[in-house]
Amino acid sequence: DGDDEGGNKHSGAQGSSSALKPGQELFSEDPYIIEMRKAQATQRQRNRTFGQEVGMQDEASRTALQGFAPGSYVRVVLHSIPCEFSKYFEPRFPLILGGLLPGEERLGLLSARVKKHRWHKRVLKSSDPLVFSIGWRRFQSMPLYFTKDPNLRLRHIKYTPEHMHCNMTFYGPLTPPNTGVLCYQSETRKTFRLSATGVILELDASVKIVKKLKLIGQPYKVFKNTAFIKDMFSSALEVAKFEGASIRTVSGIRGQIKRASKSDDGSYRATFEDKLLRSDLVFLKAWVPLPLPTLYNPVSSLLVPHGKGWVRMRTTGETRAALGVKPPLNKDSLYKQIERTPRRFNKLFIPKALQAALPYKSKPKQDQKLSKNRLEAKRASAVVSEPEERRATSLMQQIHTMYKEKEQKRKKVASMKRAEHEKKRKREEGAAEEATKRIRKKRYIKKGLAEKRKAKGSNQSN
């Protein structure tokens, strides 16, 4: 009964399972495999019949059913092509027709990981236009370079690193990730043209690139743990954006922005860990997002005479060189001689109640340094001693003289002992070194004789 039940169960599940009956061989009698082979044979027969029917028809009907065969010559009609394309067409340079997927025709922001080519002589500047070669496309765009900090902040960098990878975002047609990227600045340059290489990381990426912003202010009202700061913002609206932000003074006192003052001049109230000085400077280190450029200029080299070049966007350096303009000079960026006036601090004042509670070593000492005149007057003043005082002083001097003489004798004996010990040590080290040399020499002689005998034996055997 058990075998019949097992057989019924298996026969009922033949269409959906490849379970084998007891004693069946793998793949040879599997019902599922048998059904799949029958379906493949039926499909092959249908394809063979269809090919025979199509072979008996004319070429036009065959092309409509099967499409053009590989290697056949076709005529392609292109619409909406500029007239310059046919005017400046060069038959020596054949064209390759390719297709794009529907999703690749949209424009958006792309993020890539790039590295400056080691043969390119200069570093690449952020926001300078580059020509990108990605897949079928060549276009010009303005990339922004950035690095990813450990806290996932996208920090803007002005130039590409010398021998490291960095990230880049630019505007262009959406391309699948892991697509290779080639970048160059100019086609007419006679040196090595390839500027950078990389790979696409993300497409349609909503990146937020930030750069450092350091604002400086100074206190104009100082209380115990509160101060009013000016010259950092220009309006109360800017202060409202930075409420709760951390600030810091030059001396290292930390604080926090609380609220804008009533006068709409950018001043605000802040709290600090300690009392500020009027001469302190207050810093606010913040991060400001950068706008992403959306330039997309396709390369139109086929619409101009061959060899003359197409109109591209020039870099900042090329534009300045063409116009004879020097780079703008920011006076704040120049190095200046630092002149610091000596700061005078108030004397430390300790309340009397606190002085009474302090231990003796921590109490302020009121001893004043004697002036030169007072010191000389004190030395010139004669001191008349009593007979007992003179005897005590004389006794102490004698004891001190005896102690000094004993100390000198002890030091002399100790130096003689050290010299004798040093001589003995050097003598023992010399004897040990000589013994080591003799032992090593004997060992080398034995080793040399053994090698000589071994070499002589090998020669005789040969």
Foldseek 3Di string as FASTA:
>chain_A
DVLVVVVVVCVVCLVPDQDDRPPDDPLPPGSVNVVVVVVVVVVVVVVVVVVVVLVVDDPVVNCVVPNDDPPDDDDDDDPPDDPLLVVQPDPVDDDDDDDDDPQQVDKAKFKWKKAWDLQDDDWDFAQFKKWKDWDPFTKIWGKWWFAQDPVRATETDGTGDNGDITMIMIMDGFDDWQTKMWIFADPPDPGDTTTMIITTDDGNDPDWYKYKDKFKWFFDAWDWFKTKTAPRDQFQVVLVVQFQAWKAKPVGWIKGFHHCDPDGGHIGMIGTPGTDDRPIMMMGIDIDTDDHDHDIGTAPCSSDHPPPGDDDDGTPVVVCVVVVHDPDDDPVPDDDDDDDDDDDDDDDDDDPVVLVVDDPVPHDDPDDDDDPVVVVVVVPDDDDDDPVVVVVVVVVVVVVVVVVVVVVVVVVVVVVVVVVVVVVVVVVVVVVVVVVVVVVVVVVVVVVVVVVVVVVVVVVVD
